Amino acid sequence: MTNPTHSPNPPSTPNSRAGRREWTALGVLMLPLLLVSMDVSVLYFAIPAISADLEPSGTQQLWIFDIYAFVLAGLLMTMGSVGDRIGYRRLLLIGAAAFGTASVIAAYATSAETLIAARAVLGIGGATLMPSTMALLRTMFTDPGQRAKAIGLWSGVMTAGVALGSVLSGVLVQYFWWGSVFLVNLPAMALLLLIGPFLLPESKNPAPGRFDWPSVPLSMAAVLPVIYGLKEIPSEGWHAQYVVSITVGLLFATLFVHRQRTTASPMIDPTLFRNRGFAPSVVLNLLSAFGMMGSAFFTTQYLQSVLGKSPMEAALWALLPSVPIGMAAPLATTLVQKGVDRAYVVASGFTIAACGYGMLAVTGTDSLWLILAAAGVLASGIVMVMSQIMDLAMGTAPVEKAGVASSLMETGSEFGGALGMAVLGSIGTAIYRHGIPTSAPAPAHETLGGALAVAHQLPGRTGDALLATARDAFTDGMHGAAIAGAVLLLGAAVAAVGTLRGIRVQAPEPVTAEPQKAEA
């Protein structure tokens, strides 16, 4: 059977609106997306049990935790380009099979080396799933209004997954063994493999050109050193090795960009950035991730180390801000559909998020409800931004390049999140260290966690005084970082108005789709 032929510019008709089949398919796509985002935080409570069972070294424990995010970030652009060539549905199903298989291996790993390898394969699978889900969403929802609603759901699920991952791991580890945090992936992946071929359309770039193999190592060499350096700086400080790592990554990024601009078949087509709105979307998406992850660095520590909540209590309390998040994306979509310029909606989202940072800036050392309200306001504003920015980027990018466009946006999110934690974390750490007396033990000068450990070993009032001082210093550091975050997000609001005003998503572009094949 041959593929149907599409006219170069098909008119928008009522038949282009998605029906029950497409919305059901979207529900299926949300499952792998939720699991991929959950796997970023699913080891928060499982690491102690893993350490007791597998006895990894300190370095191995770090790799168990971080290898997933590193591989995911490093391969996003590669997998987006692969999906444009072999088909998004095919890549999604391959990734689901790899993700499920790696989950089983991780669950029953008998050594730290096996678990690290399995987590790396999970990262590879995640890198295939994330751009594929967005590209397929772009293919299924060609009506601008429906696509905006679908992308709003996508953004909400993506944000909720990170919060749910830590809570789910705490519950599973409490009642089962640590391997259960990986086995929870299997039902969703099995469902996707069973019904995905019948529900999901296949689409790909009809003329992708030759795959540019040299761009693969260049892209990874550009992403991984920068992500590594930015992740380590908040906890370890601006040591030379991390600065060198970031510098090396930026040098490779320069080579990667040069390669994309000069080769005949680039991995990332530079013409994407000629579409008005796409380049600002990438930058504003990075800034929104900066704001989200920069705040998470402080709120999670505040709940546990300042308020004294257990990890499980902190994770459960952290779910409360998710309630207003669920309303943020639909509200933003409704405003745009009613004729409000998208630039002002995005700017409003950044402003709301800045207000969340403003609330963090006045939080005391015993303000549970204020910290939760601040987290909810901040996250709601960021989700408003993310849903509209992603919709604009995917709406302005050609359908046949949806995989690459999605992978660029996701890579920008990874960079923005790491940069937010590095910059705001460094500001907070500097203020914290300034607030600790010089006579305090050395570990107390490093982190709040170090101060808590030392304080419990000191006698009576001496320990209590150090504990109170450290908590005050951390809160002061959070105030300084929150002010910096608010200023940056207000600047992003101004930039959004200047770069996005008047941009409208054009009529849907053609899709090269392969017909569904089902045997009787």
Protein backbone atom coordinates (compact mmCIF):
# COMPACT_ATOMS: atom_id res chain seq x y z
CA MET A 1 0.00 0.00 0.00
CA THR A 2 1.36 3.40 -0.91
CA ASN A 3 1.30 6.52 1.19
CA PRO A 4 -1.38 9.06 0.38
CA THR A 5 -0.22 12.13 -1.46
CA HIS A 6 -0.72 15.49 0.21
CA SER A 7 -0.91 18.81 -1.51
CA PRO A 8 1.85 21.25 -0.56
CA ASN A 9 -0.50 23.54 1.33
CA PRO A 10 -3.74 21.77 2.20
CA PRO A 11 -6.58 24.00 3.37
CA SER A 12 -7.70 23.86 6.95
CA THR A 13 -11.04 22.02 7.09
CA PRO A 14 -13.31 20.73 9.83
CA ASN A 15 -11.98 17.23 9.06
CA SER A 16 -8.61 18.31 10.41
CA ARG A 17 -10.03 18.38 13.93
CA ALA A 18 -9.04 15.47 16.13
CA GLY A 19 -11.68 13.03 17.27
CA ARG A 20 -12.07 10.42 19.99
CA ARG A 21 -9.32 8.25 18.51
CA GLU A 22 -6.72 11.03 18.72
CA TRP A 23 -7.65 12.02 22.27
CA THR A 24 -7.47 8.38 23.34
CA ALA A 25 -4.06 8.15 21.69
CA LEU A 26 -2.99 11.24 23.61
CA GLY A 27 -3.87 9.46 26.85
CA VAL A 28 -1.66 6.56 25.81
CA LEU A 29 1.19 8.97 24.98
CA MET A 30 0.94 10.58 28.40
CA LEU A 31 1.91 7.32 30.12
CA PRO A 32 5.50 7.08 28.82
CA LEU A 33 5.92 10.83 29.23
CA LEU A 34 4.85 10.60 32.88
CA LEU A 35 7.23 7.71 33.54
CA VAL A 36 10.18 9.38 31.82
CA SER A 37 9.72 12.53 33.92
CA MET A 38 9.20 10.46 37.07
CA ASP A 39 12.45 8.58 36.55
CA VAL A 40 14.35 11.84 37.10
CA SER A 41 13.33 11.78 40.79
CA VAL A 42 12.24 8.19 41.42
CA LEU A 43 15.50 7.28 43.20
CA TYR A 44 15.23 10.02 45.86
CA PHE A 45 14.04 7.58 48.53
CA ALA A 46 15.33 4.36 46.97
CA ILE A 47 19.05 5.25 47.14
CA PRO A 48 19.48 4.27 50.84
CA ALA A 49 17.97 0.83 50.21
CA ILE A 50 20.06 0.39 47.05
CA SER A 51 23.20 1.38 48.95
CA ALA A 52 22.49 -1.17 51.68
CA ASP A 53 21.83 -3.95 49.16
CA LEU A 54 24.41 -3.35 46.40
CA GLU A 55 27.03 -1.52 48.51
CA PRO A 56 28.15 0.89 45.77
CA SER A 57 31.12 3.18 46.23
CA GLY A 58 30.52 6.90 46.59
CA THR A 59 31.32 7.45 42.91
CA GLN A 60 29.08 4.57 41.83
CA GLN A 61 26.20 5.95 43.89
CA LEU A 62 26.51 9.29 42.13
CA TRP A 63 26.49 7.58 38.74
CA ILE A 64 23.44 5.50 39.68
CA PHE A 65 21.59 8.72 40.37
CA ASP A 66 22.93 10.96 37.58
CA ILE A 67 23.61 8.71 34.58
CA TYR A 68 19.95 8.71 33.55
CA ALA A 69 19.70 12.50 33.26
CA PHE A 70 23.12 12.78 31.56
CA VAL A 71 22.33 10.23 28.84
CA LEU A 72 18.83 11.66 28.37
CA ALA A 73 20.15 15.19 27.87
CA GLY A 74 23.01 14.08 25.63
CA LEU A 75 20.88 12.09 23.19
CA LEU A 76 17.76 14.23 22.86
CA MET A 77 18.88 16.03 19.70
CA THR A 78 20.17 12.81 18.13
CA MET A 79 16.93 10.95 18.77
CA GLY A 80 14.84 13.84 17.49
CA SER A 81 16.74 13.67 14.21
CA VAL A 82 16.42 9.86 14.10
CA GLY A 83 12.65 10.11 14.60
CA ASP A 84 12.33 12.52 11.69
CA ARG A 85 13.97 9.86 9.52
CA ILE A 86 12.60 6.48 10.65
CA GLY A 87 9.21 7.69 11.91
CA TYR A 88 8.06 8.95 15.30
CA ARG A 89 5.81 5.99 16.08
CA ARG A 90 8.53 3.49 15.23
CA LEU A 91 11.05 5.32 17.39
CA LEU A 92 8.52 5.56 20.22
CA LEU A 93 7.87 1.82 20.18
CA ILE A 94 11.59 1.01 20.01
CA GLY A 95 12.18 3.34 22.97
CA ALA A 96 9.31 1.78 24.93
CA ALA A 97 10.75 -1.71 24.41
CA ALA A 98 14.20 -0.51 25.51
CA PHE A 99 12.74 1.34 28.50
CA GLY A 100 10.76 -1.69 29.64
CA THR A 101 13.67 -4.11 29.22
CA ALA A 102 16.06 -1.80 31.07
CA SER A 103 13.51 -1.42 33.87
CA VAL A 104 13.48 -5.18 34.45
CA ILE A 105 17.30 -5.33 34.44
CA ALA A 106 17.50 -2.40 36.87
CA ALA A 107 14.90 -3.92 39.20
CA TYR A 108 16.82 -7.19 39.56
CA ALA A 109 20.36 -5.78 39.35
CA THR A 110 22.80 -7.63 41.58
CA SER A 111 25.66 -5.16 41.31
CA ALA A 112 26.16 -1.42 41.11
CA GLU A 113 27.71 -1.77 37.65
CA THR A 114 24.61 -3.53 36.32
CA LEU A 115 22.32 -0.89 37.78
CA ILE A 116 24.40 1.94 36.28
CA ALA A 117 24.29 0.27 32.85
CA ALA A 118 20.52 -0.25 33.15
CA ARG A 119 19.99 3.37 34.14
CA ALA A 120 22.03 4.43 31.10
CA VAL A 121 19.75 2.37 28.82
CA LEU A 122 16.75 3.95 30.56
CA GLY A 123 18.23 7.32 29.60
CA ILE A 124 18.53 6.19 25.98
CA GLY A 125 14.91 5.05 26.03
CA GLY A 126 13.82 8.31 27.62
CA ALA A 127 15.63 10.28 24.92
CA THR A 128 13.56 8.46 22.28
CA LEU A 129 10.26 8.80 24.11
CA MET A 130 10.23 12.51 24.89
CA PRO A 131 10.64 14.01 21.38
CA SER A 132 8.50 11.23 19.87
CA THR A 133 5.51 12.01 22.11
CA MET A 134 5.58 15.69 21.19
CA ALA A 135 6.14 15.01 17.49
CA LEU A 136 3.20 12.58 17.40
CA LEU A 137 1.08 15.08 19.28
CA ARG A 138 1.95 17.65 16.62
CA THR A 139 0.95 15.16 13.93
CA MET A 140 -2.38 14.15 15.49
CA PHE A 141 -3.60 17.63 16.47
CA THR A 142 -3.40 19.89 13.44
CA ASP A 143 -6.19 22.19 14.62
CA PRO A 144 -4.44 25.07 16.49
CA GLY A 145 -6.98 25.17 19.32
CA GLN A 146 -6.91 21.44 19.94
CA ARG A 147 -3.14 21.33 19.66
CA ALA A 148 -2.84 24.05 22.30
CA LYS A 149 -5.04 22.06 24.69
CA ALA A 150 -3.07 18.87 24.04
CA ILE A 151 0.27 20.62 24.61
CA GLY A 152 -1.11 22.13 27.81
CA LEU A 153 -1.87 18.61 29.05
CA TRP A 154 1.60 17.50 27.93
CA SER A 155 3.23 20.32 29.94
CA GLY A 156 1.16 19.55 33.04
CA VAL A 157 1.99 15.85 32.95
CA MET A 158 5.68 16.62 32.43
CA THR A 159 5.75 18.90 35.47
CA ALA A 160 3.69 16.59 37.68
CA GLY A 161 5.86 13.58 36.89
CA VAL A 162 8.93 14.99 38.65
CA ALA A 163 6.91 15.60 41.84
CA LEU A 164 5.13 12.23 41.70
CA GLY A 165 8.36 10.31 41.17
CA SER A 166 9.76 11.05 44.61
CA VAL A 167 6.47 10.31 46.40
CA LEU A 168 5.93 7.08 44.49
CA SER A 169 9.45 5.89 45.28
CA GLY A 170 8.88 6.58 48.99
CA VAL A 171 5.64 4.56 49.04
CA LEU A 172 7.05 1.65 47.05
CA VAL A 173 10.27 1.40 49.06
CA GLN A 174 8.29 1.50 52.29
CA TYR A 175 6.04 -1.43 51.35
CA PHE A 176 8.13 -3.36 48.78
CA TRP A 177 11.79 -3.60 47.80
CA TRP A 178 13.76 -0.96 45.92
CA GLY A 179 13.44 -2.73 42.56
CA SER A 180 9.71 -2.00 42.54
CA VAL A 181 10.42 1.63 41.61
CA PHE A 182 11.55 0.32 38.21
CA LEU A 183 8.91 -2.40 37.72
CA VAL A 184 6.16 0.22 37.92
CA ASN A 185 7.22 1.22 34.39
CA LEU A 186 6.24 -2.12 32.85
CA PRO A 187 2.40 -1.91 32.63
CA ALA A 188 2.50 1.45 30.85
CA MET A 189 5.18 0.33 28.39
CA ALA A 190 3.34 -2.93 27.71
CA LEU A 191 0.12 -1.01 27.03
CA LEU A 192 1.95 1.33 24.68
CA LEU A 193 3.51 -1.56 22.76
CA LEU A 194 0.18 -3.38 22.47
CA ILE A 195 -2.15 -0.60 21.33
CA GLY A 196 0.28 2.03 20.07
CA PRO A 197 0.62 0.49 16.58
CA PHE A 198 -3.17 0.73 16.10
CA LEU A 199 -3.90 4.09 17.72
CA LEU A 200 -0.87 6.18 16.77
CA PRO A 201 -0.24 7.44 13.24
CA GLU A 202 3.19 7.12 11.64
CA SER A 203 4.83 10.20 10.22
CA LYS A 204 8.32 11.25 9.26
CA ASN A 205 10.24 13.67 7.10
CA PRO A 206 9.72 12.62 3.45
CA ALA A 207 13.12 14.01 2.43
CA PRO A 208 15.38 14.00 5.51
CA GLY A 209 18.69 13.76 3.68
CA ARG A 210 21.67 11.73 4.81
CA PHE A 211 22.08 11.25 8.56
CA ASP A 212 25.01 13.32 9.81
CA TRP A 213 26.96 10.89 12.00
CA PRO A 214 29.72 13.37 13.07
CA SER A 215 27.04 15.54 14.67
CA VAL A 216 26.18 12.79 17.17
CA PRO A 217 29.46 12.87 19.16
CA LEU A 218 29.65 16.63 18.71
CA SER A 219 26.20 17.14 20.21
CA MET A 220 26.96 14.86 23.16
CA ALA A 221 30.33 16.54 23.74
CA ALA A 222 28.55 19.89 23.75
CA VAL A 223 25.75 18.91 26.14
CA LEU A 224 27.26 16.49 28.68
CA PRO A 225 30.23 18.53 30.01
CA VAL A 226 28.06 21.62 30.46
CA ILE A 227 25.28 19.70 32.22
CA TYR A 228 27.84 17.94 34.44
CA GLY A 229 29.55 21.16 35.46
CA LEU A 230 26.31 22.99 36.14
CA LYS A 231 24.94 20.11 38.25
CA GLU A 232 28.04 19.92 40.44
CA ILE A 233 28.59 23.64 41.08
CA PRO A 234 25.65 24.17 43.52
CA SER A 235 26.94 21.52 45.95
CA GLU A 236 30.69 21.53 45.29
CA GLY A 237 31.34 25.18 44.41
CA TRP A 238 33.11 26.81 41.47
CA HIS A 239 36.07 24.44 41.39
CA ALA A 240 38.41 24.56 38.40
CA GLN A 241 37.38 21.13 37.11
CA TYR A 242 33.73 22.17 36.76
CA VAL A 243 34.59 25.47 35.10
CA VAL A 244 36.87 23.59 32.68
CA SER A 245 34.09 21.08 32.00
CA ILE A 246 31.64 23.85 31.11
CA THR A 247 34.26 25.58 28.95
CA VAL A 248 35.01 22.37 27.04
CA GLY A 249 31.30 21.82 26.46
CA LEU A 250 30.86 25.35 25.12
CA LEU A 251 33.79 24.85 22.73
CA PHE A 252 32.20 21.69 21.37
CA ALA A 253 28.87 23.54 21.16
CA THR A 254 30.57 26.10 18.90
CA LEU A 255 31.88 23.29 16.70
CA PHE A 256 28.44 21.67 16.65
CA VAL A 257 26.75 24.90 15.54
CA HIS A 258 29.39 25.40 12.85
CA ARG A 259 28.78 21.85 11.62
CA GLN A 260 25.02 22.43 11.40
CA ARG A 261 25.50 25.61 9.40
CA THR A 262 27.96 24.15 6.88
CA THR A 263 27.04 20.50 6.29
CA ALA A 264 24.63 19.51 3.53
CA SER A 265 22.40 17.39 5.81
CA PRO A 266 22.55 18.85 9.34
CA MET A 267 21.12 17.11 12.38
CA ILE A 268 19.49 20.41 13.41
CA ASP A 269 18.24 22.29 10.38
CA PRO A 270 19.22 25.98 10.78
CA THR A 271 16.14 26.99 8.78
CA LEU A 272 14.05 26.19 11.87
CA PHE A 273 15.33 29.39 13.41
CA ARG A 274 14.12 31.43 10.43
CA ASN A 275 10.55 30.89 11.55
CA ARG A 276 9.61 33.92 13.57
CA GLY A 277 8.91 32.81 17.10
CA PHE A 278 10.93 29.59 17.16
CA ALA A 279 14.25 31.01 18.39
CA PRO A 280 12.55 33.16 21.10
CA SER A 281 10.60 30.06 22.15
CA VAL A 282 13.80 28.08 22.70
CA VAL A 283 15.34 30.86 24.79
CA LEU A 284 12.20 31.58 26.82
CA ASN A 285 11.71 27.87 27.44
CA LEU A 286 15.26 27.72 28.82
CA LEU A 287 14.49 30.64 31.15
CA SER A 288 11.29 29.00 32.37
CA ALA A 289 13.22 25.82 33.25
CA PHE A 290 15.80 28.04 34.96
CA GLY A 291 13.07 29.47 37.18
CA MET A 292 11.44 26.14 37.95
CA MET A 293 14.54 24.14 38.90
CA GLY A 294 16.24 27.08 40.60
CA SER A 295 13.38 27.30 43.09
CA ALA A 296 13.24 23.52 43.61
CA PHE A 297 16.85 23.62 44.85
CA PHE A 298 15.67 25.65 47.87
CA THR A 299 12.12 24.48 48.54
CA THR A 300 13.07 20.81 48.90
CA GLN A 301 15.87 21.63 51.35
CA TYR A 302 13.68 24.11 53.23
CA LEU A 303 10.98 21.53 53.88
CA GLN A 304 13.43 18.93 55.16
CA SER A 305 16.31 20.84 56.76
CA VAL A 306 14.66 24.06 57.94
CA LEU A 307 11.22 22.77 58.91
CA GLY A 308 12.55 19.36 59.94
CA LYS A 309 10.18 17.26 57.82
CA SER A 310 11.12 13.69 56.99
CA PRO A 311 11.82 12.97 53.30
CA MET A 312 8.44 11.28 52.94
CA GLU A 313 6.59 14.12 54.70
CA ALA A 314 8.39 16.68 52.56
CA ALA A 315 7.48 14.83 49.36
CA LEU A 316 3.80 14.60 50.37
CA TRP A 317 3.64 18.29 51.31
CA ALA A 318 5.30 19.12 47.99
CA LEU A 319 2.31 17.62 46.16
CA LEU A 320 0.00 20.42 47.35
CA PRO A 321 1.39 23.03 44.92
CA SER A 322 0.41 20.67 42.09
CA VAL A 323 -3.28 21.56 42.60
CA PRO A 324 -3.14 25.05 41.03
CA ILE A 325 -0.67 23.82 38.41
CA GLY A 326 -3.42 21.74 36.83
CA MET A 327 -5.44 24.88 36.08
CA ALA A 328 -2.59 27.02 34.76
CA ALA A 329 -2.14 25.58 31.26
CA PRO A 330 -5.90 25.44 30.42
CA LEU A 331 -6.28 29.04 31.60
CA ALA A 332 -3.43 30.20 29.38
CA THR A 333 -4.83 28.30 26.40
CA THR A 334 -8.30 29.77 26.93
CA LEU A 335 -6.93 33.30 27.05
CA VAL A 336 -5.04 32.84 23.77
CA GLN A 337 -8.08 31.30 22.07
CA LYS A 338 -10.21 34.24 23.17
CA GLY A 339 -7.91 36.60 21.31
CA VAL A 340 -5.40 37.69 23.95
CA ASP A 341 -1.97 38.06 22.34
CA ARG A 342 0.19 35.08 23.26
CA ALA A 343 3.04 37.46 24.13
CA TYR A 344 1.02 38.97 26.96
CA VAL A 345 -0.08 35.56 28.25
CA VAL A 346 3.54 34.39 28.36
CA ALA A 347 4.60 37.64 29.99
CA SER A 348 1.84 37.21 32.57
CA GLY A 349 3.08 33.70 33.31
CA PHE A 350 6.61 34.97 33.90
CA THR A 351 5.24 37.76 36.10
CA ILE A 352 3.19 35.31 38.17
CA ALA A 353 6.27 33.12 38.58
CA ALA A 354 8.26 36.20 39.66
CA CYS A 355 5.59 36.84 42.31
CA GLY A 356 6.21 33.28 43.55
CA TYR A 357 9.87 34.16 43.93
CA GLY A 358 8.79 37.33 45.75
CA MET A 359 6.90 35.18 48.24
CA LEU A 360 10.02 33.05 48.74
CA ALA A 361 11.94 36.25 49.44
CA VAL A 362 9.79 37.00 52.52
CA THR A 363 9.55 33.44 53.87
CA GLY A 364 10.69 32.99 57.46
CA THR A 365 12.21 29.94 59.10
CA ASP A 366 8.80 28.56 60.13
CA SER A 367 6.51 29.26 57.16
CA LEU A 368 5.18 25.97 55.83
CA TRP A 369 2.08 27.38 54.15
CA LEU A 370 3.88 30.36 52.68
CA ILE A 371 6.59 28.18 51.12
CA LEU A 372 3.94 25.87 49.65
CA ALA A 373 1.92 28.81 48.33
CA ALA A 374 5.06 30.32 46.82
CA ALA A 375 5.93 27.04 45.12
CA GLY A 376 2.39 26.75 43.74
CA VAL A 377 2.30 30.31 42.40
CA LEU A 378 5.75 30.00 40.85
CA ALA A 379 5.07 26.64 39.21
CA SER A 380 1.67 27.78 37.90
CA GLY A 381 3.27 30.76 36.18
CA ILE A 382 6.01 28.59 34.67
CA VAL A 383 3.49 26.03 33.35
CA MET A 384 1.54 28.86 31.70
CA VAL A 385 4.74 29.89 29.96
CA MET A 386 5.82 26.36 29.02
CA SER A 387 2.48 25.39 27.51
CA GLN A 388 2.30 28.47 25.28
CA ILE A 389 5.98 28.46 24.32
CA MET A 390 5.89 24.79 23.36
CA ASP A 391 2.70 25.30 21.36
CA LEU A 392 4.25 28.25 19.52
CA ALA A 393 7.49 26.38 18.77
CA MET A 394 5.73 23.27 17.50
CA GLY A 395 3.15 25.32 15.58
CA THR A 396 5.77 27.33 13.71
CA ALA A 397 8.06 24.36 12.98
CA PRO A 398 7.27 22.22 9.91
CA VAL A 399 5.53 18.97 10.80
CA GLU A 400 8.24 16.89 9.14
CA LYS A 401 10.79 18.45 11.54
CA ALA A 402 8.68 18.12 14.66
CA GLY A 403 11.05 15.61 16.24
CA VAL A 404 14.08 17.88 15.95
CA ALA A 405 12.07 20.90 17.11
CA SER A 406 10.81 19.02 20.17
CA SER A 407 14.29 17.72 21.02
CA LEU A 408 15.70 21.26 20.85
CA MET A 409 13.08 22.48 23.28
CA GLU A 410 13.73 19.59 25.67
CA THR A 411 17.50 20.08 25.49
CA GLY A 412 16.96 23.75 26.30
CA SER A 413 14.93 22.69 29.33
CA GLU A 414 17.77 20.47 30.54
CA PHE A 415 20.25 23.33 30.15
CA GLY A 416 17.92 25.82 31.81
CA GLY A 417 17.22 23.56 34.78
CA ALA A 418 20.91 22.87 35.38
CA LEU A 419 21.77 26.55 34.94
CA GLY A 420 19.05 27.62 37.38
CA MET A 421 20.32 25.28 40.07
CA ALA A 422 23.93 26.38 39.45
CA VAL A 423 23.36 30.14 39.42
CA LEU A 424 20.69 30.49 42.10
CA GLY A 425 22.23 27.70 44.15
CA SER A 426 25.59 29.49 44.08
CA ILE A 427 23.99 32.77 45.16
CA GLY A 428 22.20 31.07 48.03
CA THR A 429 25.32 29.15 49.08
CA ALA A 430 27.47 32.30 49.09
CA ILE A 431 24.98 34.13 51.33
CA TYR A 432 24.64 31.07 53.56
CA ARG A 433 28.41 30.80 54.10
CA HIS A 434 28.62 34.50 54.86
CA GLY A 435 26.03 34.03 57.62
CA ILE A 436 27.87 31.18 59.37
CA PRO A 437 30.30 32.34 62.08
CA THR A 438 33.98 31.73 61.34
CA SER A 439 34.26 29.81 64.61
CA ALA A 440 31.76 27.17 63.45
CA PRO A 441 33.09 23.72 62.45
CA ALA A 442 34.14 23.36 58.80
CA PRO A 443 31.22 21.14 57.68
CA ALA A 444 28.78 23.82 58.85
CA HIS A 445 30.33 26.28 56.37
CA GLU A 446 29.71 23.98 53.41
CA THR A 447 25.99 23.17 53.47
CA LEU A 448 22.96 23.30 55.73
CA GLY A 449 23.03 19.51 55.84
CA GLY A 450 26.60 19.62 57.15
CA ALA A 451 25.57 22.13 59.82
CA LEU A 452 22.68 19.90 60.94
CA ALA A 453 24.98 16.89 61.24
CA VAL A 454 27.52 18.85 63.30
CA ALA A 455 24.88 20.52 65.49
CA HIS A 456 23.53 17.16 66.65
CA GLN A 457 27.01 16.22 67.85
CA LEU A 458 27.55 19.40 69.87
CA PRO A 459 26.39 19.68 73.48
CA GLY A 460 23.17 21.41 74.49
CA ARG A 461 22.85 25.10 73.73
CA THR A 462 25.93 25.14 71.49
CA GLY A 463 24.31 22.74 69.05
CA ASP A 464 20.96 24.52 69.23
CA ALA A 465 22.61 27.88 68.55
CA LEU A 466 24.47 26.52 65.51
CA LEU A 467 21.26 24.91 64.27
CA ALA A 468 19.31 28.17 64.54
CA THR A 469 22.11 30.16 62.91
CA ALA A 470 22.41 27.71 60.00
CA ARG A 471 18.69 27.74 59.35
CA ASP A 472 18.62 31.54 59.40
CA ALA A 473 21.61 31.65 57.05
CA PHE A 474 19.99 29.22 54.62
CA THR A 475 16.76 31.22 54.64
CA ASP A 476 18.72 34.41 53.99
CA GLY A 477 20.44 32.65 51.08
CA MET A 478 17.06 31.61 49.72
CA HIS A 479 15.90 35.23 49.98
CA GLY A 480 18.86 36.46 47.93
CA ALA A 481 18.44 33.79 45.28
CA ALA A 482 14.68 34.47 45.12
CA ILE A 483 15.28 38.15 44.46
CA ALA A 484 17.70 37.27 41.66
CA GLY A 485 15.19 34.78 40.22
CA ALA A 486 12.37 37.34 40.35
CA VAL A 487 14.48 39.92 38.53
CA LEU A 488 15.40 37.42 35.82
CA LEU A 489 11.79 36.31 35.30
CA LEU A 490 10.58 39.90 35.10
CA GLY A 491 13.23 40.49 32.45
CA ALA A 492 11.94 37.39 30.63
CA ALA A 493 8.42 38.87 30.74
CA VAL A 494 9.66 42.02 29.04
CA ALA A 495 11.57 39.95 26.48
CA ALA A 496 8.46 37.87 25.75
CA VAL A 497 6.44 40.97 24.90
CA GLY A 498 9.22 42.30 22.68
CA THR A 499 9.85 39.08 20.75
CA LEU A 500 6.46 37.33 20.58
CA ARG A 501 3.99 40.18 20.13
CA GLY A 502 1.80 39.72 17.07
CA ILE A 503 3.03 36.21 16.21
CA ARG A 504 0.26 33.88 15.08
CA VAL A 505 0.55 30.16 14.45
CA GLN A 506 -0.12 29.49 10.79
CA ALA A 507 -2.42 26.91 9.28
CA PRO A 508 -1.37 23.28 9.70
CA GLU A 509 1.39 22.02 7.45
CA PRO A 510 1.25 18.76 5.53
CA VAL A 511 1.96 15.49 7.26
CA THR A 512 3.48 12.50 5.52
CA ALA A 513 1.55 9.75 7.24
CA GLU A 514 1.61 6.04 6.79
CA PRO A 515 -1.84 4.45 6.98
CA GLN A 516 -2.71 2.31 9.96
CA LYS A 517 -2.11 -1.40 9.32
CA ALA A 518 -4.17 -3.92 11.23
CA GLU A 519 -4.51 -7.60 10.42
CA ALA A 520 -7.95 -9.10 10.57
